[in-house]
């Protein structure tokens, strides 16, 4: 009788476990893809799709069906806003004494801000582009060893547009 009760409970619980099982929606992270259409057909594809669900054939044509995401995920690099502007930080890594080198023919106002990796900002450093090549000394020797982000806000005088450039700096003591 005990075994019969156990079998009966087991038979009842097995279908119930299917009702509460986890379901995952399939997805793909695609590096490229496209959509083409003409009067006869449309074609939509992504590179790197997962395994196909079904394949249909009809004479000389075949169709392999899968799944796609409703948005396009693209990777790109924005064009540099100033063609004649460059900057660098040296020596990197250092003991906290850095030099910020900027080079430009434009009349620029700049603000350098140092942040730690948690986003806590230190006091900003304001300076103007005095000549074509400008070297600004930055003393961070009071900070502990670690990795910091130097954000350089660049604004051309008498305009409202600004650009931010970031560079990783490392203090080693």
Foldseek 3Di string as FASTA:
>chain_A
DVVVVVVVVVVVVPVVVVVVDDDDDDADDFADWDWDDDPPDIDTDTPPFDDFDDKDDDVPDIDTHHDYDPDDDYDDDDDDPDPFKDWDWPDFAEQFKIKIKIAGPAWKKKKKWKAAPVGDIDDIDIDIDPHRIDIDIGGGNVDDWDKIKIWMWIDGPPDDDIDIDIDIGTHDD
